[in-house]
């Protein structure tokens, strides 16, 4: 991956922590790292509670955003609403693209796409 190893590692940790923290039900969390042409992709995918409309998903990257009940400080799912905002800033500093979407199976997927080494 073309980028700062320490901050890229921090971004991956944030995405994994987020998947573990907010997975719903009997959680199945998938983590993928793969090459796609000259790019490297890192993904986390997990079940979630569907409390947000798809067009609202990008607000998850806003500082302090808590768009649904699962993102409150109950049931041990505490936090300050900063993790995904920090992940977005790290992606930008490393010239990577960070996106979120709901899959056809109704799961939430975060994807970071980095430039590969030249």
N, C-alpha and C. Protein backbone atom coordinates (compact mmCIF):
# COMPACT_ATOMS: atom_id res chain seq x y z
N UNK A 1 0.86 -1.19 0.00
CA UNK A 1 0.00 0.00 0.00
C UNK A 1 0.89 1.23 0.00
N UNK A 2 0.54 2.20 -0.82
CA UNK A 2 1.24 3.48 -0.84
C UNK A 2 0.61 4.35 0.25
N UNK A 3 1.34 4.57 1.34
CA UNK A 3 0.82 5.39 2.43
C UNK A 3 1.66 5.20 3.68
N UNK A 4 1.33 5.93 4.71
CA UNK A 4 2.03 5.86 5.98
C UNK A 4 1.60 4.60 6.73
N UNK A 5 2.50 3.67 7.00
CA UNK A 5 2.12 2.39 7.63
C UNK A 5 1.38 2.56 8.96
N UNK A 6 1.81 3.50 9.78
CA UNK A 6 1.19 3.65 11.10
C UNK A 6 -0.27 4.13 10.99
N UNK A 7 -0.51 5.14 10.14
CA UNK A 7 -1.88 5.65 10.05
C UNK A 7 -2.79 4.71 9.26
N UNK A 8 -2.25 4.02 8.26
CA UNK A 8 -3.05 3.03 7.52
C UNK A 8 -3.46 1.91 8.47
N UNK A 9 -2.54 1.48 9.34
CA UNK A 9 -2.87 0.47 10.35
C UNK A 9 -3.96 0.97 11.29
N UNK A 10 -3.88 2.24 11.67
CA UNK A 10 -4.90 2.82 12.54
C UNK A 10 -6.26 2.83 11.85
N UNK A 11 -6.30 3.17 10.57
CA UNK A 11 -7.56 3.16 9.82
C UNK A 11 -8.17 1.76 9.82
N UNK A 12 -7.35 0.75 9.55
CA UNK A 12 -7.85 -0.63 9.52
C UNK A 12 -8.37 -1.05 10.90
N UNK A 13 -7.67 -0.63 11.95
CA UNK A 13 -8.11 -0.94 13.31
C UNK A 13 -9.45 -0.29 13.62
N UNK A 14 -9.62 0.95 13.21
CA UNK A 14 -10.89 1.65 13.43
C UNK A 14 -12.03 0.93 12.74
N UNK A 15 -11.82 0.51 11.49
CA UNK A 15 -12.89 -0.17 10.75
C UNK A 15 -13.22 -1.53 11.38
N UNK A 16 -12.21 -2.26 11.82
CA UNK A 16 -12.45 -3.55 12.47
C UNK A 16 -13.17 -3.35 13.81
N UNK A 17 -12.71 -2.39 14.59
CA UNK A 17 -13.35 -2.09 15.87
C UNK A 17 -14.81 -1.69 15.68
N UNK A 18 -15.07 -0.89 14.66
CA UNK A 18 -16.43 -0.46 14.36
C UNK A 18 -17.31 -1.67 14.01
N UNK A 19 -16.79 -2.59 13.21
CA UNK A 19 -17.56 -3.78 12.83
C UNK A 19 -17.90 -4.62 14.05
N UNK A 20 -16.93 -4.81 14.94
CA UNK A 20 -17.17 -5.61 16.14
C UNK A 20 -18.17 -4.91 17.06
N UNK A 21 -18.00 -3.62 17.22
CA UNK A 21 -18.82 -2.85 18.16
C UNK A 21 -20.28 -2.78 17.73
N UNK A 22 -20.55 -2.66 16.44
CA UNK A 22 -21.92 -2.40 15.98
C UNK A 22 -22.57 -3.54 15.22
N UNK A 23 -21.94 -4.70 15.16
CA UNK A 23 -22.56 -5.86 14.51
C UNK A 23 -23.78 -6.28 15.30
N UNK A 24 -24.84 -6.64 14.61
CA UNK A 24 -26.11 -7.01 15.24
C UNK A 24 -26.31 -8.53 15.24
N UNK A 25 -27.16 -8.98 16.14
CA UNK A 25 -27.53 -10.39 16.18
C UNK A 25 -26.36 -11.28 16.54
N UNK A 26 -26.33 -12.48 15.91
CA UNK A 26 -25.21 -13.40 16.05
C UNK A 26 -24.20 -12.98 14.99
N UNK A 27 -23.29 -12.08 15.36
CA UNK A 27 -22.52 -11.38 14.32
C UNK A 27 -21.58 -12.26 13.52
N UNK A 28 -21.66 -12.08 12.23
CA UNK A 28 -20.69 -12.63 11.30
C UNK A 28 -20.01 -11.41 10.68
N UNK A 29 -18.74 -11.27 10.96
CA UNK A 29 -17.97 -10.13 10.47
C UNK A 29 -16.97 -10.65 9.45
N UNK A 30 -16.96 -10.03 8.29
CA UNK A 30 -15.99 -10.40 7.26
C UNK A 30 -14.99 -9.26 7.11
N UNK A 31 -13.72 -9.62 7.02
CA UNK A 31 -12.64 -8.66 6.79
C UNK A 31 -11.88 -9.16 5.58
N UNK A 32 -11.70 -8.27 4.60
CA UNK A 32 -11.02 -8.67 3.36
C UNK A 32 -9.92 -7.66 3.03
N UNK A 33 -8.81 -8.17 2.54
CA UNK A 33 -7.71 -7.36 2.02
C UNK A 33 -7.31 -8.00 0.70
N UNK A 34 -7.39 -7.22 -0.39
CA UNK A 34 -7.10 -7.82 -1.69
C UNK A 34 -6.59 -6.75 -2.66
N UNK A 35 -5.89 -7.21 -3.68
CA UNK A 35 -5.42 -6.33 -4.74
C UNK A 35 -6.46 -6.30 -5.84
N UNK A 36 -6.63 -5.12 -6.41
CA UNK A 36 -7.54 -4.94 -7.54
C UNK A 36 -6.82 -4.04 -8.54
N UNK A 37 -6.16 -4.68 -9.51
CA UNK A 37 -5.33 -3.91 -10.44
C UNK A 37 -4.16 -3.29 -9.69
N UNK A 38 -4.00 -1.97 -9.79
CA UNK A 38 -2.91 -1.27 -9.11
C UNK A 38 -3.37 -0.71 -7.77
N UNK A 39 -4.51 -1.14 -7.31
CA UNK A 39 -5.05 -0.65 -6.04
C UNK A 39 -5.13 -1.79 -5.03
N UNK A 40 -5.17 -1.41 -3.75
CA UNK A 40 -5.32 -2.38 -2.67
C UNK A 40 -6.59 -2.00 -1.90
N UNK A 41 -7.46 -2.98 -1.69
CA UNK A 41 -8.74 -2.73 -1.02
C UNK A 41 -8.76 -3.43 0.34
N UNK A 42 -9.28 -2.73 1.33
CA UNK A 42 -9.51 -3.28 2.66
C UNK A 42 -10.98 -3.07 2.97
N UNK A 43 -11.67 -4.15 3.36
CA UNK A 43 -13.11 -4.08 3.61
C UNK A 43 -13.47 -4.74 4.92
N UNK A 44 -14.49 -4.17 5.57
CA UNK A 44 -15.15 -4.83 6.69
C UNK A 44 -16.63 -4.88 6.34
N UNK A 45 -17.26 -5.99 6.66
CA UNK A 45 -18.68 -6.17 6.36
C UNK A 45 -19.33 -6.90 7.53
N UNK A 46 -20.50 -6.41 7.95
CA UNK A 46 -21.19 -7.04 9.07
C UNK A 46 -22.69 -6.76 9.01
N UNK A 47 -23.44 -7.56 9.77
CA UNK A 47 -24.87 -7.31 9.93
C UNK A 47 -25.03 -6.03 10.72
N UNK A 48 -26.16 -5.34 10.51
CA UNK A 48 -26.42 -4.12 11.25
C UNK A 48 -27.92 -3.95 11.40
N UNK A 49 -28.36 -2.91 12.07
CA UNK A 49 -29.78 -2.80 12.42
C UNK A 49 -30.63 -2.05 11.41
N UNK A 50 -30.10 -1.61 10.30
CA UNK A 50 -30.86 -0.97 9.22
C UNK A 50 -31.65 0.27 9.66
N UNK A 51 -31.18 0.98 10.66
CA UNK A 51 -31.92 2.13 11.17
C UNK A 51 -31.69 3.39 10.33
N UNK A 52 -30.88 3.30 9.30
CA UNK A 52 -30.57 4.48 8.49
C UNK A 52 -30.98 4.23 7.05
N UNK A 53 -31.42 5.30 6.41
CA UNK A 53 -31.68 5.24 4.98
C UNK A 53 -30.34 5.21 4.25
N UNK A 54 -30.25 4.52 3.12
CA UNK A 54 -28.98 4.44 2.40
C UNK A 54 -28.34 5.80 2.12
N UNK A 55 -29.17 6.81 1.83
CA UNK A 55 -28.61 8.13 1.53
C UNK A 55 -28.01 8.81 2.77
N UNK A 56 -28.27 8.28 3.96
CA UNK A 56 -27.73 8.84 5.19
C UNK A 56 -26.42 8.18 5.61
N UNK A 57 -26.04 7.09 4.97
CA UNK A 57 -24.87 6.34 5.40
C UNK A 57 -23.59 7.16 5.46
N UNK A 58 -23.39 8.06 4.51
CA UNK A 58 -22.16 8.85 4.51
C UNK A 58 -22.06 9.77 5.71
N UNK A 59 -23.18 10.03 6.39
CA UNK A 59 -23.12 10.84 7.62
C UNK A 59 -22.38 10.11 8.73
N UNK A 60 -22.20 8.79 8.60
CA UNK A 60 -21.45 8.05 9.60
C UNK A 60 -20.02 8.57 9.72
N UNK A 61 -19.52 9.23 8.69
CA UNK A 61 -18.17 9.78 8.72
C UNK A 61 -18.12 11.17 9.35
N UNK A 62 -19.29 11.74 9.69
CA UNK A 62 -19.34 13.05 10.33
C UNK A 62 -18.97 12.92 11.80
N UNK A 63 -18.22 13.89 12.30
CA UNK A 63 -17.84 13.86 13.71
C UNK A 63 -19.08 13.87 14.60
N UNK A 64 -19.06 13.05 15.63
CA UNK A 64 -20.09 12.96 16.67
C UNK A 64 -21.44 12.45 16.15
N UNK A 65 -21.51 11.97 14.92
CA UNK A 65 -22.80 11.55 14.36
C UNK A 65 -23.25 10.24 14.98
N UNK A 66 -24.49 10.20 15.40
CA UNK A 66 -25.12 8.99 15.93
C UNK A 66 -26.51 8.92 15.31
N UNK A 67 -26.59 8.28 14.16
CA UNK A 67 -27.82 8.27 13.40
C UNK A 67 -28.86 7.28 13.84
N UNK A 68 -28.54 6.39 14.76
CA UNK A 68 -29.52 5.39 15.18
C UNK A 68 -29.27 4.98 16.62
N UNK A 69 -30.20 4.24 17.15
CA UNK A 69 -30.13 3.84 18.55
C UNK A 69 -28.92 2.96 18.86
N UNK A 70 -28.42 2.22 17.88
CA UNK A 70 -27.28 1.34 18.15
C UNK A 70 -25.99 2.12 18.38
N UNK A 71 -25.99 3.38 18.07
CA UNK A 71 -24.79 4.19 18.21
C UNK A 71 -24.85 5.07 19.45
N UNK A 72 -25.64 4.68 20.42
CA UNK A 72 -25.67 5.40 21.68
C UNK A 72 -24.74 4.71 22.66
N UNK A 73 -24.59 5.28 23.84
CA UNK A 73 -23.66 4.72 24.82
C UNK A 73 -24.32 3.68 25.71
N UNK A 74 -25.20 2.86 25.18
CA UNK A 74 -25.84 1.81 25.95
C UNK A 74 -25.27 0.46 25.54
N UNK A 75 -25.51 -0.52 26.37
CA UNK A 75 -25.13 -1.91 26.08
C UNK A 75 -23.65 -2.07 25.75
N UNK A 76 -22.78 -1.28 26.36
CA UNK A 76 -21.36 -1.44 26.14
C UNK A 76 -20.86 -1.01 24.78
N UNK A 77 -21.67 -0.29 24.03
CA UNK A 77 -21.27 0.15 22.70
C UNK A 77 -20.87 1.61 22.73
N UNK A 78 -20.22 2.01 23.79
CA UNK A 78 -19.85 3.41 23.95
C UNK A 78 -18.81 3.87 22.95
N UNK A 79 -18.69 5.13 22.89
CA UNK A 79 -17.74 5.77 22.00
C UNK A 79 -18.11 7.23 21.93
N UNK A 80 -17.35 7.97 21.19
CA UNK A 80 -17.58 9.40 21.11
C UNK A 80 -17.99 9.87 19.72
N UNK A 81 -18.19 8.94 18.80
CA UNK A 81 -18.59 9.32 17.46
C UNK A 81 -17.46 9.92 16.64
N UNK A 82 -16.22 9.57 16.98
CA UNK A 82 -15.07 10.14 16.29
C UNK A 82 -14.34 9.14 15.40
N UNK A 83 -14.48 7.85 15.66
CA UNK A 83 -13.68 6.83 14.98
C UNK A 83 -13.77 6.90 13.47
N UNK A 84 -14.98 6.91 12.92
CA UNK A 84 -15.12 6.92 11.46
C UNK A 84 -14.71 8.25 10.86
N UNK A 85 -14.86 9.33 11.62
CA UNK A 85 -14.38 10.64 11.17
C UNK A 85 -12.85 10.63 11.07
N UNK A 86 -12.21 10.04 12.06
CA UNK A 86 -10.74 9.91 12.04
C UNK A 86 -10.32 9.01 10.88
N UNK A 87 -11.05 7.92 10.66
CA UNK A 87 -10.73 7.02 9.55
C UNK A 87 -10.81 7.75 8.22
N UNK A 88 -11.82 8.58 8.03
CA UNK A 88 -11.95 9.34 6.78
C UNK A 88 -10.76 10.29 6.62
N UNK A 89 -10.36 10.98 7.70
CA UNK A 89 -9.22 11.90 7.63
C UNK A 89 -7.93 11.16 7.29
N UNK A 90 -7.75 9.98 7.88
CA UNK A 90 -6.57 9.17 7.57
C UNK A 90 -6.57 8.76 6.10
N UNK A 91 -7.73 8.34 5.61
CA UNK A 91 -7.83 7.95 4.19
C UNK A 91 -7.45 9.12 3.29
N UNK A 92 -7.97 10.29 3.60
CA UNK A 92 -7.66 11.46 2.78
C UNK A 92 -6.17 11.78 2.80
N UNK A 93 -5.54 11.70 3.99
CA UNK A 93 -4.12 12.00 4.09
C UNK A 93 -3.26 11.00 3.32
N UNK A 94 -3.78 9.79 3.15
CA UNK A 94 -3.04 8.74 2.44
C UNK A 94 -3.54 8.57 1.00
N UNK A 95 -4.29 9.55 0.51
CA UNK A 95 -4.81 9.54 -0.86
C UNK A 95 -5.61 8.28 -1.16
N UNK A 96 -6.38 7.85 -0.17
CA UNK A 96 -7.23 6.67 -0.31
C UNK A 96 -8.69 7.12 -0.35
N UNK A 97 -9.54 6.22 -0.79
CA UNK A 97 -10.98 6.50 -0.83
C UNK A 97 -11.65 5.60 0.20
N UNK A 98 -12.45 6.19 1.09
CA UNK A 98 -13.19 5.43 2.11
C UNK A 98 -14.67 5.60 1.84
N UNK A 99 -15.37 4.47 1.67
CA UNK A 99 -16.80 4.50 1.36
C UNK A 99 -17.56 3.55 2.27
N UNK A 100 -18.87 3.75 2.32
CA UNK A 100 -19.75 2.86 3.05
C UNK A 100 -21.01 2.65 2.21
N UNK A 101 -21.53 1.44 2.25
CA UNK A 101 -22.78 1.14 1.53
C UNK A 101 -23.45 -0.07 2.16
N UNK A 102 -24.71 -0.23 1.85
CA UNK A 102 -25.43 -1.43 2.26
C UNK A 102 -25.36 -2.43 1.11
N UNK A 103 -25.03 -3.68 1.42
CA UNK A 103 -24.93 -4.71 0.39
C UNK A 103 -26.32 -5.21 0.00
N UNK A 104 -26.38 -5.98 -1.07
CA UNK A 104 -27.65 -6.57 -1.50
C UNK A 104 -28.22 -7.50 -0.44
N UNK A 105 -27.34 -8.05 0.39
CA UNK A 105 -27.77 -8.96 1.46
C UNK A 105 -28.20 -8.19 2.71
N UNK A 106 -28.15 -6.87 2.66
CA UNK A 106 -28.59 -6.05 3.79
C UNK A 106 -27.53 -5.88 4.86
N UNK A 107 -26.28 -6.07 4.52
CA UNK A 107 -25.18 -5.89 5.47
C UNK A 107 -24.52 -4.53 5.20
N UNK A 108 -23.75 -4.04 6.13
CA UNK A 108 -23.04 -2.78 5.94
C UNK A 108 -21.59 -3.08 5.58
N UNK A 109 -21.10 -2.37 4.56
CA UNK A 109 -19.76 -2.62 4.02
C UNK A 109 -18.98 -1.31 3.99
N UNK A 110 -17.85 -1.30 4.69
CA UNK A 110 -16.91 -0.18 4.62
C UNK A 110 -15.75 -0.63 3.75
N UNK A 111 -15.33 0.24 2.81
CA UNK A 111 -14.24 -0.11 1.91
C UNK A 111 -13.25 1.04 1.84
N UNK A 112 -11.97 0.71 2.05
CA UNK A 112 -10.87 1.67 1.86
C UNK A 112 -10.07 1.20 0.68
N UNK A 113 -9.87 2.08 -0.29
CA UNK A 113 -9.13 1.74 -1.50
C UNK A 113 -7.88 2.62 -1.54
N UNK A 114 -6.72 1.95 -1.54
CA UNK A 114 -5.42 2.61 -1.52
C UNK A 114 -4.71 2.40 -2.85
N UNK A 115 -3.82 3.32 -3.17
CA UNK A 115 -2.93 3.11 -4.32
C UNK A 115 -1.90 2.07 -3.92
N UNK A 116 -1.60 1.17 -4.82
CA UNK A 116 -0.55 0.18 -4.56
C UNK A 116 0.81 0.80 -4.82
N UNK A 117 1.84 0.13 -4.37
CA UNK A 117 3.21 0.61 -4.61
C UNK A 117 3.49 0.59 -6.10
N UNK A 118 4.32 1.49 -6.53
CA UNK A 118 4.66 1.57 -7.95
C UNK A 118 5.81 0.67 -8.29
